[in-house]
Amino acid sequence: GEAFSGGAADPTALQLQADEIYGMEEALAARVSAAFRAQNWEEQSLLCVKAAVRRTKLLEDAASVMEQYSHDYRTKKRRLEVRFEGESGFDAASGTEAGVTRGFYADVAEALLSRDNVQGSTSLSSLSSMTVTDGKRMHQPLPLWISDVDESDQAIVPTPRADPGSGIGIYPRPLGPGSPWKPAVLQKFRFIGRLFAAALRDGFVFPLPLSASFFEIGARLYQNLFQKSIKETT
């Protein structure tokens, strides 16, 4: 959690964290390649689609890239390569050598935990008079996570929930069915899902530390919906 909040000053600790992520990416890339081969799909690691983003508009540009990448059939079959406008860095290769694109995913994950982009502990009821139903406003600060913050009060950090059985990680903030924030929040989570999918597709890790308990709830919900669809078709 400290690495996201800027509190990790120990170079050794940072290197260990980086090594762990690289190891996860290598294992992930091997599993993805094996899955492609099992389906007799041709890997197209040399084909890529390039995208440029601005650091000053990181989330907005990333959302635009993911929107285009997910809807273009020919584009989404290729590896995504990202560069930052005004910077000379570029990916010299794919996989573990694609440092700029890996950095893009890490920077977006960090931005999604920043209090500049996430509503903190402010009561949602006190904000209900604001007009937030326009999906184009998904880039304003939104109530995405249960707001456990670091000492600087600048970043959301992964911590255990009150439930002893809950794993460490950030957890989505519950919203009422009539919440005016719901459309924009749903759009933001769709964007997050696309980031996870694109990273997985190309053998990267999107390092957003979601709670394992949240994944368990999502898995059960998907299973229930799948079983319901089976019953409706039989």
C-alpha atoms as a PDB file:
ATOM      1  CA  GLY A   1       0.000   0.000   0.000  1.00  0.00           C
ATOM      2  CA  GLU A   2       2.851   2.395   0.775  1.00  0.00           C
ATOM      3  CA  ALA A   3       4.243   2.141  -2.719  1.00  0.00           C
ATOM      4  CA  PHE A   4       1.016   3.638  -4.069  1.00  0.00           C
ATOM      5  CA  SER A   5       0.832   6.393  -1.473  1.00  0.00           C
ATOM      6  CA  GLY A   6       4.398   7.566  -1.916  1.00  0.00           C
ATOM      7  CA  GLY A   7       5.345   6.412   1.576  1.00  0.00           C
ATOM      8  CA  ALA A   8       7.799   3.719   0.541  1.00  0.00           C
ATOM      9  CA  ALA A   9      11.257   5.303   0.770  1.00  0.00           C
ATOM     10  CA  ASP A  10      13.328   2.123   1.134  1.00  0.00           C
ATOM     11  CA  PRO A  11      14.941   1.326  -2.263  1.00  0.00           C
ATOM     12  CA  THR A  12      15.352  -2.326  -1.291  1.00  0.00           C
ATOM     13  CA  ALA A  13      11.643  -2.653  -0.492  1.00  0.00           C
ATOM     14  CA  LEU A  14      10.717  -0.987  -3.781  1.00  0.00           C
ATOM     15  CA  GLN A  15      13.020  -3.320  -5.717  1.00  0.00           C
ATOM     16  CA  LEU A  16      11.504  -6.348  -4.007  1.00  0.00           C
ATOM     17  CA  GLN A  17       8.028  -5.125  -4.923  1.00  0.00           C
ATOM     18  CA  ALA A  18       9.115  -4.565  -8.530  1.00  0.00           C
ATOM     19  CA  ASP A  19      10.709  -8.014  -8.713  1.00  0.00           C
ATOM     20  CA  GLU A  20       7.521  -9.593  -7.388  1.00  0.00           C
ATOM     21  CA  ILE A  21       5.422  -7.826 -10.052  1.00  0.00           C
ATOM     22  CA  TYR A  22       7.862  -8.843 -12.811  1.00  0.00           C
ATOM     23  CA  GLY A  23       7.701 -12.453 -11.625  1.00  0.00           C
ATOM     24  CA  MET A  24       3.897 -12.364 -11.676  1.00  0.00           C
ATOM     25  CA  GLU A  25       3.954 -10.924 -15.198  1.00  0.00           C
ATOM     26  CA  GLU A  26       6.317 -13.641 -16.441  1.00  0.00           C
ATOM     27  CA  ALA A  27       4.087 -16.363 -15.015  1.00  0.00           C
ATOM     28  CA  LEU A  28       1.005 -14.654 -16.443  1.00  0.00           C
ATOM     29  CA  ALA A  29       2.581 -14.320 -19.897  1.00  0.00           C
ATOM     30  CA  ALA A  30       3.470 -18.027 -19.893  1.00  0.00           C
ATOM     31  CA  ARG A  31      -0.111 -18.994 -18.983  1.00  0.00           C
ATOM     32  CA  VAL A  32      -1.600 -16.712 -21.660  1.00  0.00           C
ATOM     33  CA  SER A  33       0.761 -18.124 -24.312  1.00  0.00           C
ATOM     34  CA  ALA A  34      -0.129 -21.672 -23.289  1.00  0.00           C
ATOM     35  CA  ALA A  35      -3.839 -20.831 -23.548  1.00  0.00           C
ATOM     36  CA  PHE A  36      -3.328 -19.426 -27.051  1.00  0.00           C
ATOM     37  CA  ARG A  37      -1.455 -22.536 -28.157  1.00  0.00           C
ATOM     38  CA  ALA A  38      -4.120 -24.811 -26.633  1.00  0.00           C
ATOM     39  CA  GLN A  39      -6.757 -23.099 -28.802  1.00  0.00           C
ATOM     40  CA  ASN A  40      -4.512 -23.221 -31.886  1.00  0.00           C
ATOM     41  CA  TRP A  41      -4.533 -19.444 -32.042  1.00  0.00           C
ATOM     42  CA  GLU A  42      -1.669 -17.668 -33.735  1.00  0.00           C
ATOM     43  CA  GLU A  43       0.201 -15.361 -31.422  1.00  0.00           C
ATOM     44  CA  GLN A  44       0.763 -11.940 -32.961  1.00  0.00           C
ATOM     45  CA  SER A  45       3.262 -10.516 -30.499  1.00  0.00           C
ATOM     46  CA  LEU A  46       5.030  -8.520 -33.239  1.00  0.00           C
ATOM     47  CA  LEU A  47       1.827  -6.720 -34.209  1.00  0.00           C
ATOM     48  CA  CYS A  48       0.889  -3.828 -31.978  1.00  0.00           C
ATOM     49  CA  VAL A  49      -1.335  -0.797 -31.867  1.00  0.00           C
ATOM     50  CA  LYS A  50       0.284   2.374 -30.562  1.00  0.00           C
ATOM     51  CA  ALA A  51      -1.415   4.930 -28.349  1.00  0.00           C
ATOM     52  CA  ALA A  52      -0.199   8.240 -26.930  1.00  0.00           C
ATOM     53  CA  VAL A  53      -1.448   9.616 -23.614  1.00  0.00           C
ATOM     54  CA  ARG A  54      -0.815  12.803 -21.677  1.00  0.00           C
ATOM     55  CA  ARG A  55       0.331  12.595 -18.074  1.00  0.00           C
ATOM     56  CA  THR A  56      -1.715  15.704 -17.273  1.00  0.00           C
ATOM     57  CA  LYS A  57      -4.883  13.975 -18.576  1.00  0.00           C
ATOM     58  CA  LEU A  58      -3.916  10.408 -17.763  1.00  0.00           C
ATOM     59  CA  LEU A  59      -7.291   8.940 -16.776  1.00  0.00           C
ATOM     60  CA  GLU A  60      -9.209  10.748 -19.518  1.00  0.00           C
ATOM     61  CA  ASP A  61      -6.760   9.636 -22.222  1.00  0.00           C
ATOM     62  CA  ALA A  62      -6.550   6.093 -20.828  1.00  0.00           C
ATOM     63  CA  ALA A  63     -10.356   5.835 -20.870  1.00  0.00           C
ATOM     64  CA  SER A  64     -10.418   7.031 -24.494  1.00  0.00           C
ATOM     65  CA  VAL A  65      -7.756   4.477 -25.475  1.00  0.00           C
ATOM     66  CA  MET A  66      -9.625   1.627 -23.751  1.00  0.00           C
ATOM     67  CA  GLU A  67     -12.924   2.672 -25.363  1.00  0.00           C
ATOM     68  CA  GLN A  68     -11.408   2.560 -28.863  1.00  0.00           C
ATOM     69  CA  TYR A  69      -9.318  -0.532 -28.159  1.00  0.00           C
ATOM     70  CA  SER A  70     -12.299  -2.539 -26.911  1.00  0.00           C
ATOM     71  CA  HIS A  71     -14.625  -1.707 -29.828  1.00  0.00           C
ATOM     72  CA  ASP A  72     -12.312  -2.115 -32.825  1.00  0.00           C
ATOM     73  CA  TYR A  73     -12.162  -5.816 -33.717  1.00  0.00           C
ATOM     74  CA  ARG A  74      -8.891  -5.597 -35.670  1.00  0.00           C
ATOM     75  CA  THR A  75      -7.211  -3.347 -33.136  1.00  0.00           C
ATOM     76  CA  LYS A  76      -8.009  -5.391 -30.029  1.00  0.00           C
ATOM     77  CA  LYS A  77      -6.340  -8.473 -31.539  1.00  0.00           C
ATOM     78  CA  ARG A  78      -3.014  -6.647 -31.366  1.00  0.00           C
ATOM     79  CA  ARG A  79      -0.730  -5.845 -28.464  1.00  0.00           C
ATOM     80  CA  LEU A  80      -1.290  -2.384 -26.991  1.00  0.00           C
ATOM     81  CA  GLU A  81       1.811  -0.195 -26.806  1.00  0.00           C
ATOM     82  CA  VAL A  82       1.543   3.093 -24.931  1.00  0.00           C
ATOM     83  CA  ARG A  83       3.839   6.101 -24.929  1.00  0.00           C
ATOM     84  CA  PHE A  84       3.589   9.408 -23.079  1.00  0.00           C
ATOM     85  CA  GLU A  85       3.358  12.601 -25.107  1.00  0.00           C
ATOM     86  CA  GLY A  86       6.474  14.750 -24.871  1.00  0.00           C
ATOM     87  CA  GLU A  87       8.622  11.876 -23.561  1.00  0.00           C
ATOM     88  CA  SER A  88      11.214   9.884 -25.475  1.00  0.00           C
ATOM     89  CA  GLY A  89      10.550   6.517 -23.827  1.00  0.00           C
ATOM     90  CA  PHE A  90       9.096   3.691 -25.908  1.00  0.00           C
ATOM     91  CA  ASP A  91       8.736  -0.085 -25.728  1.00  0.00           C
ATOM     92  CA  ALA A  92      11.736  -1.765 -27.286  1.00  0.00           C
ATOM     93  CA  ALA A  93      10.040  -5.174 -27.142  1.00  0.00           C
ATOM     94  CA  SER A  94       7.069  -6.995 -25.713  1.00  0.00           C
ATOM     95  CA  GLY A  95       6.629  -8.833 -22.434  1.00  0.00           C
ATOM     96  CA  THR A  96       9.074  -7.993 -19.655  1.00  0.00           C
ATOM     97  CA  GLU A  97      10.941  -5.496 -21.874  1.00  0.00           C
ATOM     98  CA  ALA A  98       7.866  -3.326 -22.478  1.00  0.00           C
ATOM     99  CA  GLY A  99       8.675  -0.905 -19.672  1.00  0.00           C
ATOM    100  CA  VAL A 100       6.705   2.152 -20.820  1.00  0.00           C
ATOM    101  CA  THR A 101       3.432   0.261 -21.229  1.00  0.00           C
ATOM    102  CA  ARG A 102       3.962  -1.437 -17.861  1.00  0.00           C
ATOM    103  CA  GLY A 103       4.524   2.012 -16.383  1.00  0.00           C
ATOM    104  CA  PHE A 104       1.284   3.216 -17.971  1.00  0.00           C
ATOM    105  CA  TYR A 105      -0.730   0.528 -16.166  1.00  0.00           C
ATOM    106  CA  ALA A 106       1.044   1.283 -12.870  1.00  0.00           C
ATOM    107  CA  ASP A 107       0.453   5.038 -13.223  1.00  0.00           C
ATOM    108  CA  VAL A 108      -3.238   4.565 -14.039  1.00  0.00           C
ATOM    109  CA  ALA A 109      -3.660   2.254 -11.024  1.00  0.00           C
ATOM    110  CA  GLU A 110      -2.030   4.858  -8.804  1.00  0.00           C
ATOM    111  CA  ALA A 111      -4.249   7.614 -10.233  1.00  0.00           C
ATOM    112  CA  LEU A 112      -7.344   5.548  -9.460  1.00  0.00           C
ATOM    113  CA  LEU A 113      -6.290   5.586  -5.793  1.00  0.00           C
ATOM    114  CA  SER A 114      -5.548   9.314  -5.646  1.00  0.00           C
ATOM    115  CA  ARG A 115      -7.811  11.600  -3.641  1.00  0.00           C
ATOM    116  CA  ASP A 116      -7.637  13.945  -6.657  1.00  0.00           C
ATOM    117  CA  ASN A 117      -9.786  11.403  -8.496  1.00  0.00           C
ATOM    118  CA  VAL A 118     -11.688   9.692  -5.672  1.00  0.00           C
ATOM    119  CA  GLN A 119     -14.238  11.131  -3.274  1.00  0.00           C
ATOM    120  CA  GLY A 120     -13.037  10.661   0.271  1.00  0.00           C
ATOM    121  CA  SER A 121     -15.039  10.376   3.446  1.00  0.00           C
ATOM    122  CA  THR A 122     -17.514  13.120   2.456  1.00  0.00           C
ATOM    123  CA  SER A 123     -21.092  12.021   3.025  1.00  0.00           C
ATOM    124  CA  LEU A 124     -22.790  11.072  -0.223  1.00  0.00           C
ATOM    125  CA  SER A 125     -26.022  12.636   0.998  1.00  0.00           C
ATOM    126  CA  SER A 126     -24.322  16.026   1.192  1.00  0.00           C
ATOM    127  CA  LEU A 127     -23.384  15.696  -2.481  1.00  0.00           C
ATOM    128  CA  SER A 128     -26.714  14.408  -3.765  1.00  0.00           C
ATOM    129  CA  SER A 129     -27.755  17.801  -5.099  1.00  0.00           C
ATOM    130  CA  MET A 130     -24.964  17.752  -7.678  1.00  0.00           C
ATOM    131  CA  THR A 131     -25.772  16.735 -11.240  1.00  0.00           C
ATOM    132  CA  VAL A 132     -23.631  13.652 -11.812  1.00  0.00           C
ATOM    133  CA  THR A 133     -25.821  11.547 -14.059  1.00  0.00           C
ATOM    134  CA  ASP A 134     -24.018  12.605 -17.215  1.00  0.00           C
ATOM    135  CA  GLY A 135     -21.628   9.787 -18.125  1.00  0.00           C
ATOM    136  CA  LYS A 136     -19.193  12.337 -19.546  1.00  0.00           C
ATOM    137  CA  ARG A 137     -18.471  13.392 -15.962  1.00  0.00           C
ATOM    138  CA  MET A 138     -16.842  10.089 -15.056  1.00  0.00           C
ATOM    139  CA  HIS A 139     -13.524  11.939 -14.803  1.00  0.00           C
ATOM    140  CA  GLN A 140     -14.550  14.078 -11.838  1.00  0.00           C
ATOM    141  CA  PRO A 141     -13.756  12.719  -8.350  1.00  0.00           C
ATOM    142  CA  LEU A 142     -16.125   9.804  -7.742  1.00  0.00           C
ATOM    143  CA  PRO A 143     -17.045   7.673  -4.700  1.00  0.00           C
ATOM    144  CA  LEU A 144     -15.254   4.561  -5.965  1.00  0.00           C
ATOM    145  CA  TRP A 145     -13.731   3.024  -2.845  1.00  0.00           C
ATOM    146  CA  ILE A 146     -14.305   2.759   0.871  1.00  0.00           C
ATOM    147  CA  SER A 147     -11.984   5.559   1.861  1.00  0.00           C
ATOM    148  CA  ASP A 148      -9.163   4.298   4.048  1.00  0.00           C
ATOM    149  CA  VAL A 149      -6.402   6.827   3.424  1.00  0.00           C
ATOM    150  CA  ASP A 150      -2.682   7.109   4.085  1.00  0.00           C
ATOM    151  CA  GLU A 151      -1.124   9.484   6.626  1.00  0.00           C
ATOM    152  CA  SER A 152      -0.983  12.316   4.082  1.00  0.00           C
ATOM    153  CA  ASP A 153      -4.710  11.928   3.350  1.00  0.00           C
ATOM    154  CA  GLN A 154      -3.829  11.924  -0.354  1.00  0.00           C
ATOM    155  CA  ALA A 155      -4.256   8.301  -1.411  1.00  0.00           C
ATOM    156  CA  ILE A 156      -6.637   5.435  -0.798  1.00  0.00           C
ATOM    157  CA  VAL A 157      -4.716   2.483   0.684  1.00  0.00           C
ATOM    158  CA  PRO A 158      -5.584  -1.220   0.833  1.00  0.00           C
ATOM    159  CA  THR A 159      -6.475  -2.248   4.375  1.00  0.00           C
ATOM    160  CA  PRO A 160      -8.465  -5.058   5.993  1.00  0.00           C
ATOM    161  CA  ARG A 161     -12.190  -4.484   6.341  1.00  0.00           C
ATOM    162  CA  ALA A 162     -14.010  -4.794   9.655  1.00  0.00           C
ATOM    163  CA  ASP A 163     -14.954  -8.350   8.697  1.00  0.00           C
ATOM    164  CA  PRO A 164     -12.100 -10.599   9.930  1.00  0.00           C
ATOM    165  CA  GLY A 165     -12.702 -12.910   6.981  1.00  0.00           C
ATOM    166  CA  SER A 166     -12.102 -10.186   4.429  1.00  0.00           C
ATOM    167  CA  GLY A 167      -8.777 -10.051   2.612  1.00  0.00           C
ATOM    168  CA  ILE A 168      -6.516  -7.011   2.388  1.00  0.00           C
ATOM    169  CA  GLY A 169      -7.341  -4.680  -0.478  1.00  0.00           C
ATOM    170  CA  ILE A 170      -9.473  -1.769  -1.618  1.00  0.00           C
ATOM    171  CA  TYR A 171     -13.220  -2.354  -1.698  1.00  0.00           C
ATOM    172  CA  PRO A 172     -15.821  -0.559  -3.852  1.00  0.00           C
ATOM    173  CA  ARG A 173     -17.936   1.953  -1.997  1.00  0.00           C
ATOM    174  CA  PRO A 174     -21.590   0.851  -1.719  1.00  0.00           C
ATOM    175  CA  LEU A 175     -24.125   3.093  -3.464  1.00  0.00           C
ATOM    176  CA  GLY A 176     -27.885   3.128  -3.097  1.00  0.00           C
ATOM    177  CA  PRO A 177     -30.018   2.089  -6.095  1.00  0.00           C
ATOM    178  CA  GLY A 178     -31.132   5.688  -6.622  1.00  0.00           C
ATOM    179  CA  SER A 179     -27.721   7.285  -6.217  1.00  0.00           C
ATOM    180  CA  PRO A 180     -27.041  10.069  -8.751  1.00  0.00           C
ATOM    181  CA  TRP A 181     -23.405   8.892  -8.820  1.00  0.00           C
ATOM    182  CA  LYS A 182     -24.301   5.442 -10.154  1.00  0.00           C
ATOM    183  CA  PRO A 183     -24.042   6.033 -13.949  1.00  0.00           C
ATOM    184  CA  ALA A 184     -20.624   7.690 -13.733  1.00  0.00           C
ATOM    185  CA  VAL A 185     -19.330   5.128 -11.232  1.00  0.00           C
ATOM    186  CA  LEU A 186     -20.486   2.211 -13.403  1.00  0.00           C
ATOM    187  CA  GLN A 187     -18.753   3.775 -16.392  1.00  0.00           C
ATOM    188  CA  LYS A 188     -15.544   4.109 -14.369  1.00  0.00           C
ATOM    189  CA  PHE A 189     -15.671   0.453 -13.313  1.00  0.00           C
ATOM    190  CA  ARG A 190     -16.245  -0.566 -16.937  1.00  0.00           C
ATOM    191  CA  PHE A 191     -13.045   1.351 -17.731  1.00  0.00           C
ATOM    192  CA  ILE A 192     -11.227  -0.481 -14.913  1.00  0.00           C
ATOM    193  CA  GLY A 193     -12.438  -3.828 -16.247  1.00  0.00           C
ATOM    194  CA  ARG A 194     -11.084  -2.981 -19.692  1.00  0.00           C
ATOM    195  CA  LEU A 195      -7.718  -2.114 -18.162  1.00  0.00           C
ATOM    196  CA  PHE A 196      -7.554  -5.485 -16.422  1.00  0.00           C
ATOM    197  CA  ALA A 197      -8.532  -7.253 -19.661  1.00  0.00           C
ATOM    198  CA  ALA A 198      -6.006  -5.388 -21.824  1.00  0.00           C
ATOM    199  CA  ALA A 199      -3.191  -5.979 -19.324  1.00  0.00           C
ATOM    200  CA  LEU A 200      -4.045  -9.674 -19.043  1.00  0.00           C
ATOM    201  CA  ARG A 201      -4.259  -9.972 -22.823  1.00  0.00           C
ATOM    202  CA  ASP A 202      -0.672  -8.723 -23.213  1.00  0.00           C
ATOM    203  CA  GLY A 203       0.874 -10.478 -20.203  1.00  0.00           C
ATOM    204  CA  PHE A 204       0.987  -7.498 -17.822  1.00  0.00           C
ATOM    205  CA  VAL A 205      -0.316  -7.020 -14.302  1.00  0.00           C
ATOM    206  CA  PHE A 206      -2.673  -4.101 -13.717  1.00  0.00           C
ATOM    207  CA  PRO A 207      -1.608  -3.402 -10.109  1.00  0.00           C
ATOM    208  CA  LEU A 208      -4.875  -2.156  -8.648  1.00  0.00           C
ATOM    209  CA  PRO A 209      -5.058  -3.910  -5.246  1.00  0.00           C
ATOM    210  CA  LEU A 210      -8.713  -4.944  -5.226  1.00  0.00           C
ATOM    211  CA  SER A 211      -9.947  -6.896  -2.221  1.00  0.00           C
ATOM    212  CA  ALA A 212     -10.118 -10.655  -2.688  1.00  0.00           C
ATOM    213  CA  SER A 213     -13.525 -10.521  -1.000  1.00  0.00           C
ATOM    214  CA  PHE A 214     -14.774  -8.314  -3.834  1.00  0.00           C
ATOM    215  CA  PHE A 215     -13.583 -10.856  -6.410  1.00  0.00           C
ATOM    216  CA  GLU A 216     -15.382 -13.618  -4.487  1.00  0.00           C
ATOM    217  CA  ILE A 217     -18.646 -11.660  -4.557  1.00  0.00           C
ATOM    218  CA  GLY A 218     -18.215 -10.985  -8.274  1.00  0.00           C
ATOM    219  CA  ALA A 219     -17.527 -14.661  -8.985  1.00  0.00           C
ATOM    220  CA  ARG A 220     -20.650 -15.758  -7.090  1.00  0.00           C
ATOM    221  CA  LEU A 221     -22.755 -13.143  -8.875  1.00  0.00           C
ATOM    222  CA  TYR A 222     -21.474 -14.290 -12.274  1.00  0.00           C
ATOM    223  CA  GLN A 223     -22.157 -17.924 -11.393  1.00  0.00           C
ATOM    224  CA  ASN A 224     -25.724 -17.101 -10.357  1.00  0.00           C
ATOM    225  CA  LEU A 225     -26.354 -15.145 -13.566  1.00  0.00           C
ATOM    226  CA  PHE A 226     -24.856 -17.958 -15.647  1.00  0.00           C
ATOM    227  CA  GLN A 227     -27.049 -20.570 -13.979  1.00  0.00           C
ATOM    228  CA  LYS A 228     -30.116 -18.361 -14.455  1.00  0.00           C
ATOM    229  CA  SER A 229     -29.372 -17.978 -18.183  1.00  0.00           C
ATOM    230  CA  ILE A 230     -28.999 -21.759 -18.536  1.00  0.00           C
ATOM    231  CA  LYS A 231     -32.401 -22.342 -16.913  1.00  0.00           C
ATOM    232  CA  GLU A 232     -34.022 -19.756 -19.179  1.00  0.00           C
ATOM    233  CA  THR A 233     -32.695 -21.450 -22.337  1.00  0.00           C
ATOM    234  CA  THR A 234     -33.679 -25.009 -21.326  1.00  0.00           C
END
